[in-house]
């Protein structure tokens, strides 16, 4: 999966079969743009703040506050690029969580009831 397309190929006995190779343009940047558009058409619109605009500070014991800083000199294209990066990160979170859970289950001894 990349920025412009995704492809999938079947594997048999460790060898890639080239005939069933499938390509799809619906991934990467297209999905980021779709996610960003879906956030803006909601009522009320959901704000998508890039990470460089967020500031975390301690508010008390085990509490934190998150404030949004505006940088007026930032070029709009950079702001949009960083919003797209945030969307890409959100897209990968389910896969990352699944991978961590799988690794945890692989290292945890199984409990067998007798």
N, C-alpha and C. Protein backbone atom coordinates (compact mmCIF):
# COMPACT_ATOMS: atom_id res chain seq x y z
N UNK A 1 0.85 -1.17 0.00
CA UNK A 1 0.00 0.00 0.00
C UNK A 1 0.90 1.23 0.00
N UNK A 2 0.64 2.11 -0.90
CA UNK A 2 1.44 3.30 -1.01
C UNK A 2 0.58 4.54 -1.13
N UNK A 3 1.19 5.63 -1.55
CA UNK A 3 0.48 6.89 -1.67
C UNK A 3 -0.50 6.91 -2.82
N UNK A 4 -0.22 6.18 -3.91
CA UNK A 4 -1.05 6.27 -5.10
C UNK A 4 -1.89 5.05 -5.39
N UNK A 5 -1.49 3.89 -4.92
CA UNK A 5 -2.26 2.68 -5.20
C UNK A 5 -1.89 1.58 -4.22
N UNK A 6 -2.67 0.53 -4.26
CA UNK A 6 -2.40 -0.65 -3.44
C UNK A 6 -2.44 -1.86 -4.35
N UNK A 7 -1.64 -2.85 -4.04
CA UNK A 7 -1.70 -4.08 -4.82
C UNK A 7 -1.60 -5.26 -3.87
N UNK A 8 -2.16 -6.36 -4.30
CA UNK A 8 -2.14 -7.59 -3.52
C UNK A 8 -1.84 -8.74 -4.47
N UNK A 9 -1.04 -9.68 -4.01
CA UNK A 9 -0.69 -10.82 -4.83
C UNK A 9 -0.85 -12.09 -4.00
N UNK A 10 -1.25 -13.14 -4.66
CA UNK A 10 -1.37 -14.44 -4.00
C UNK A 10 0.00 -15.09 -3.91
N UNK A 11 0.22 -15.83 -2.82
CA UNK A 11 1.48 -16.53 -2.61
C UNK A 11 1.18 -18.01 -2.44
N UNK A 12 1.93 -18.85 -3.15
CA UNK A 12 1.75 -20.29 -3.06
C UNK A 12 3.12 -20.92 -2.86
N UNK A 13 3.31 -21.65 -1.77
CA UNK A 13 4.58 -22.30 -1.44
C UNK A 13 5.74 -21.31 -1.45
N UNK A 14 5.49 -20.10 -0.98
CA UNK A 14 6.54 -19.10 -0.89
C UNK A 14 6.81 -18.34 -2.17
N UNK A 15 6.09 -18.64 -3.25
CA UNK A 15 6.30 -17.95 -4.53
C UNK A 15 5.10 -17.05 -4.83
N UNK A 16 5.39 -15.86 -5.32
CA UNK A 16 4.33 -14.92 -5.68
C UNK A 16 3.75 -15.33 -7.02
N UNK A 17 2.44 -15.46 -7.07
CA UNK A 17 1.74 -15.75 -8.32
C UNK A 17 1.37 -14.43 -8.98
N UNK A 18 1.91 -14.17 -10.16
CA UNK A 18 1.72 -12.87 -10.81
C UNK A 18 0.37 -12.74 -11.51
N UNK A 19 -0.25 -13.82 -11.90
CA UNK A 19 -1.54 -13.74 -12.60
C UNK A 19 -2.63 -13.12 -11.72
N UNK A 20 -2.79 -13.54 -10.45
CA UNK A 20 -3.88 -12.97 -9.66
C UNK A 20 -3.53 -11.63 -9.01
N UNK A 21 -2.51 -10.93 -9.51
CA UNK A 21 -2.12 -9.64 -8.97
C UNK A 21 -3.26 -8.64 -9.16
N UNK A 22 -3.67 -8.00 -8.09
CA UNK A 22 -4.77 -7.03 -8.14
C UNK A 22 -4.25 -5.66 -7.70
N UNK A 23 -4.66 -4.63 -8.40
CA UNK A 23 -4.29 -3.26 -8.07
C UNK A 23 -5.56 -2.46 -7.81
N UNK A 24 -5.44 -1.51 -6.88
CA UNK A 24 -6.57 -0.66 -6.55
C UNK A 24 -6.08 0.78 -6.33
N UNK A 25 -6.76 1.75 -6.93
CA UNK A 25 -6.38 3.15 -6.69
C UNK A 25 -6.96 3.70 -5.39
N UNK A 26 -7.80 2.92 -4.72
CA UNK A 26 -8.49 3.40 -3.52
C UNK A 26 -7.68 3.11 -2.27
N UNK A 27 -6.71 3.96 -2.01
CA UNK A 27 -5.90 3.81 -0.81
C UNK A 27 -5.06 5.06 -0.64
N UNK A 28 -4.19 5.02 0.34
CA UNK A 28 -3.20 6.06 0.52
C UNK A 28 -3.77 7.46 0.56
N UNK A 29 -3.28 8.32 -0.32
CA UNK A 29 -3.67 9.72 -0.32
C UNK A 29 -5.16 9.90 -0.60
N UNK A 30 -5.74 9.04 -1.42
CA UNK A 30 -7.17 9.14 -1.72
C UNK A 30 -7.99 8.95 -0.45
N UNK A 31 -7.62 7.95 0.37
CA UNK A 31 -8.35 7.71 1.61
C UNK A 31 -8.13 8.85 2.61
N UNK A 32 -6.91 9.43 2.63
CA UNK A 32 -6.66 10.57 3.51
C UNK A 32 -7.55 11.74 3.14
N UNK A 33 -7.67 12.02 1.83
CA UNK A 33 -8.52 13.11 1.39
C UNK A 33 -9.99 12.84 1.72
N UNK A 34 -10.41 11.59 1.56
CA UNK A 34 -11.79 11.22 1.87
C UNK A 34 -12.08 11.39 3.36
N UNK A 35 -11.15 10.98 4.21
CA UNK A 35 -11.34 11.12 5.65
C UNK A 35 -11.38 12.60 6.04
N UNK A 36 -10.50 13.39 5.47
CA UNK A 36 -10.46 14.82 5.77
C UNK A 36 -11.77 15.49 5.32
N UNK A 37 -12.27 15.11 4.16
CA UNK A 37 -13.53 15.67 3.67
C UNK A 37 -14.70 15.26 4.56
N UNK A 38 -14.71 14.02 5.03
CA UNK A 38 -15.82 13.57 5.87
C UNK A 38 -15.84 14.30 7.21
N UNK A 39 -14.67 14.71 7.71
CA UNK A 39 -14.63 15.45 8.96
C UNK A 39 -15.15 16.88 8.78
N UNK A 40 -14.96 17.45 7.60
CA UNK A 40 -15.38 18.84 7.39
C UNK A 40 -16.86 18.96 7.09
N UNK A 41 -17.52 17.91 6.60
CA UNK A 41 -18.95 18.01 6.26
C UNK A 41 -19.86 17.65 7.43
N UNK A 42 -19.31 17.24 8.52
CA UNK A 42 -20.13 16.91 9.69
C UNK A 42 -20.71 18.17 10.30
N UNK A 43 -21.80 18.01 11.01
CA UNK A 43 -22.42 19.13 11.73
C UNK A 43 -22.33 18.85 13.21
N UNK A 44 -21.66 19.60 14.01
CA UNK A 44 -20.72 20.66 13.66
C UNK A 44 -19.44 20.05 13.09
N UNK A 45 -18.72 20.80 12.26
CA UNK A 45 -17.49 20.26 11.66
C UNK A 45 -16.46 19.89 12.72
N UNK A 46 -15.81 18.76 12.53
CA UNK A 46 -14.78 18.31 13.44
C UNK A 46 -13.46 18.95 13.04
N UNK A 47 -12.80 19.59 13.99
CA UNK A 47 -11.53 20.24 13.71
C UNK A 47 -10.42 19.19 13.65
N UNK A 48 -9.61 19.27 12.63
CA UNK A 48 -8.47 18.38 12.49
C UNK A 48 -7.21 19.22 12.67
N UNK A 49 -6.61 19.12 13.85
CA UNK A 49 -5.43 19.92 14.17
C UNK A 49 -4.17 19.09 13.92
N UNK A 50 -3.24 19.62 13.12
CA UNK A 50 -1.96 18.92 12.95
C UNK A 50 -1.18 18.91 14.27
N UNK A 51 -0.28 17.96 14.41
CA UNK A 51 0.45 17.82 15.67
C UNK A 51 1.28 19.05 16.01
N UNK A 52 1.79 19.77 15.01
CA UNK A 52 2.64 20.92 15.33
C UNK A 52 1.85 22.05 15.99
N UNK A 53 0.53 22.03 15.92
CA UNK A 53 -0.28 23.09 16.53
C UNK A 53 -0.70 22.75 17.96
N UNK A 54 -0.45 21.54 18.42
CA UNK A 54 -0.90 21.11 19.75
C UNK A 54 0.19 21.27 20.79
N UNK A 55 -0.20 21.69 21.98
CA UNK A 55 0.73 21.84 23.09
C UNK A 55 0.12 21.18 24.32
N UNK A 56 0.86 20.25 24.91
CA UNK A 56 0.38 19.53 26.08
C UNK A 56 1.09 20.09 27.32
N UNK A 57 0.31 20.35 28.37
CA UNK A 57 0.90 20.84 29.62
C UNK A 57 0.21 20.17 30.80
N UNK A 58 0.94 20.09 31.91
CA UNK A 58 0.41 19.45 33.11
C UNK A 58 -0.59 20.38 33.78
N UNK A 59 -1.75 19.85 34.13
CA UNK A 59 -2.80 20.64 34.79
C UNK A 59 -2.93 20.25 36.25
N UNK A 60 -2.33 19.18 36.65
CA UNK A 60 -2.43 18.70 38.02
C UNK A 60 -1.87 17.30 38.10
N UNK A 61 -2.05 16.65 39.23
CA UNK A 61 -1.55 15.27 39.32
C UNK A 61 -2.34 14.35 38.38
N UNK A 62 -1.65 13.71 37.49
CA UNK A 62 -2.22 12.77 36.51
C UNK A 62 -3.22 13.45 35.58
N UNK A 63 -3.11 14.75 35.37
CA UNK A 63 -4.00 15.47 34.46
C UNK A 63 -3.17 16.31 33.51
N UNK A 64 -3.63 16.40 32.29
CA UNK A 64 -2.96 17.22 31.29
C UNK A 64 -4.00 18.00 30.51
N UNK A 65 -3.58 19.16 30.02
CA UNK A 65 -4.44 19.95 29.16
C UNK A 65 -3.80 20.05 27.79
N UNK A 66 -4.63 20.14 26.81
CA UNK A 66 -4.17 20.24 25.43
C UNK A 66 -4.67 21.55 24.86
N UNK A 67 -3.75 22.39 24.42
CA UNK A 67 -4.12 23.67 23.85
C UNK A 67 -3.69 23.70 22.39
N UNK A 68 -4.45 24.44 21.60
CA UNK A 68 -4.16 24.58 20.18
C UNK A 68 -3.50 25.93 19.96
N UNK A 69 -2.31 25.92 19.39
CA UNK A 69 -1.59 27.15 19.08
C UNK A 69 -1.74 27.45 17.60
N UNK A 70 -1.94 28.70 17.29
CA UNK A 70 -2.03 29.13 15.89
C UNK A 70 -0.70 29.74 15.49
N UNK A 71 -0.20 29.38 14.35
CA UNK A 71 1.03 29.95 13.81
C UNK A 71 0.66 30.69 12.53
N UNK A 72 0.49 32.02 12.61
CA UNK A 72 -0.01 32.78 11.46
C UNK A 72 0.91 32.76 10.25
N UNK A 73 2.20 32.54 10.40
CA UNK A 73 3.11 32.56 9.26
C UNK A 73 3.20 31.24 8.53
N UNK A 74 2.46 30.22 8.95
CA UNK A 74 2.53 28.90 8.33
C UNK A 74 1.85 28.91 6.97
N UNK A 75 2.52 28.34 5.98
CA UNK A 75 1.96 28.29 4.63
C UNK A 75 0.78 27.31 4.61
N UNK A 76 -0.31 27.65 3.94
CA UNK A 76 -1.50 26.78 3.92
C UNK A 76 -1.21 25.38 3.37
N UNK A 77 -0.28 25.27 2.42
CA UNK A 77 0.02 23.94 1.88
C UNK A 77 0.69 23.06 2.92
N UNK A 78 1.54 23.64 3.78
CA UNK A 78 2.17 22.86 4.85
C UNK A 78 1.13 22.42 5.87
N UNK A 79 0.22 23.32 6.20
CA UNK A 79 -0.85 22.99 7.15
C UNK A 79 -1.70 21.84 6.61
N UNK A 80 -2.04 21.90 5.33
CA UNK A 80 -2.83 20.83 4.72
C UNK A 80 -2.04 19.52 4.68
N UNK A 81 -0.74 19.61 4.36
CA UNK A 81 0.10 18.41 4.35
C UNK A 81 0.14 17.76 5.73
N UNK A 82 0.27 18.56 6.78
CA UNK A 82 0.31 18.01 8.13
C UNK A 82 -1.05 17.44 8.54
N UNK A 83 -2.14 18.01 8.05
CA UNK A 83 -3.46 17.42 8.30
C UNK A 83 -3.56 16.05 7.63
N UNK A 84 -3.03 15.94 6.42
CA UNK A 84 -3.05 14.65 5.71
C UNK A 84 -2.20 13.62 6.44
N UNK A 85 -1.08 14.06 7.03
CA UNK A 85 -0.25 13.15 7.81
C UNK A 85 -1.00 12.64 9.04
N UNK A 86 -1.77 13.52 9.67
CA UNK A 86 -2.57 13.11 10.82
C UNK A 86 -3.62 12.08 10.40
N UNK A 87 -4.24 12.28 9.24
CA UNK A 87 -5.22 11.31 8.73
C UNK A 87 -4.55 9.96 8.46
N UNK A 88 -3.36 9.99 7.86
CA UNK A 88 -2.64 8.75 7.57
C UNK A 88 -2.30 8.01 8.87
N UNK A 89 -1.95 8.76 9.90
CA UNK A 89 -1.64 8.13 11.18
C UNK A 89 -2.88 7.47 11.78
N UNK A 90 -4.02 8.14 11.69
CA UNK A 90 -5.27 7.59 12.21
C UNK A 90 -5.65 6.32 11.46
N UNK A 91 -5.41 6.30 10.14
CA UNK A 91 -5.72 5.10 9.34
C UNK A 91 -4.93 3.89 9.81
N UNK A 92 -3.69 4.11 10.26
CA UNK A 92 -2.83 2.99 10.64
C UNK A 92 -3.04 2.51 12.06
N UNK A 93 -3.76 3.26 12.89
CA UNK A 93 -3.95 2.87 14.28
C UNK A 93 -4.59 1.49 14.47
N UNK A 94 -5.65 1.12 13.73
CA UNK A 94 -6.21 -0.23 13.94
C UNK A 94 -5.20 -1.34 13.63
N UNK A 95 -4.38 -1.15 12.60
CA UNK A 95 -3.40 -2.17 12.26
C UNK A 95 -2.30 -2.26 13.32
N UNK A 96 -1.92 -1.10 13.84
CA UNK A 96 -0.89 -1.07 14.89
C UNK A 96 -1.41 -1.73 16.16
N UNK A 97 -2.65 -1.45 16.51
CA UNK A 97 -3.24 -2.06 17.71
C UNK A 97 -3.36 -3.57 17.54
N UNK A 98 -3.76 -4.01 16.36
CA UNK A 98 -3.89 -5.45 16.11
C UNK A 98 -2.52 -6.11 16.18
N UNK A 99 -1.50 -5.47 15.63
CA UNK A 99 -0.16 -6.03 15.65
C UNK A 99 0.37 -6.15 17.07
N UNK A 100 0.14 -5.12 17.89
CA UNK A 100 0.60 -5.18 19.28
C UNK A 100 -0.15 -6.26 20.06
N UNK A 101 -1.45 -6.38 19.82
CA UNK A 101 -2.22 -7.42 20.51
C UNK A 101 -1.75 -8.81 20.10
N UNK A 102 -1.46 -8.98 18.82
CA UNK A 102 -0.97 -10.27 18.33
C UNK A 102 0.37 -10.60 18.96
N UNK A 103 1.27 -9.62 19.04
CA UNK A 103 2.58 -9.84 19.66
C UNK A 103 2.44 -10.17 21.14
N UNK A 104 1.50 -9.49 21.80
CA UNK A 104 1.28 -9.75 23.22
C UNK A 104 0.75 -11.17 23.43
N UNK A 105 -0.18 -11.59 22.59
CA UNK A 105 -0.72 -12.94 22.72
C UNK A 105 0.34 -14.00 22.43
N UNK A 106 1.25 -13.69 21.52
CA UNK A 106 2.30 -14.65 21.17
C UNK A 106 3.29 -14.83 22.31
N UNK A 107 3.50 -13.80 23.12
CA UNK A 107 4.48 -13.89 24.21
C UNK A 107 3.85 -14.28 25.53
N UNK A 108 2.51 -14.22 25.63
CA UNK A 108 1.82 -14.57 26.86
C UNK A 108 1.57 -16.08 26.89
N UNK A 109 1.97 -16.74 27.97
CA UNK A 109 1.69 -18.18 28.05
C UNK A 109 0.18 -18.44 28.09
N UNK A 110 -0.23 -19.44 27.37
CA UNK A 110 -1.67 -19.75 27.34
C UNK A 110 -2.08 -20.42 28.63
N UNK A 111 -3.30 -20.17 29.00
CA UNK A 111 -3.84 -20.77 30.22
C UNK A 111 -4.80 -21.87 29.80
N UNK A 112 -4.45 -23.06 30.14
CA UNK A 112 -5.27 -24.21 29.78
C UNK A 112 -6.00 -24.68 31.03
N UNK A 113 -7.32 -24.76 30.92
CA UNK A 113 -8.11 -25.24 32.05
C UNK A 113 -8.13 -26.75 32.04
N UNK A 114 -7.99 -27.30 33.20
CA UNK A 114 -8.03 -28.77 33.31
C UNK A 114 -9.23 -29.22 34.07
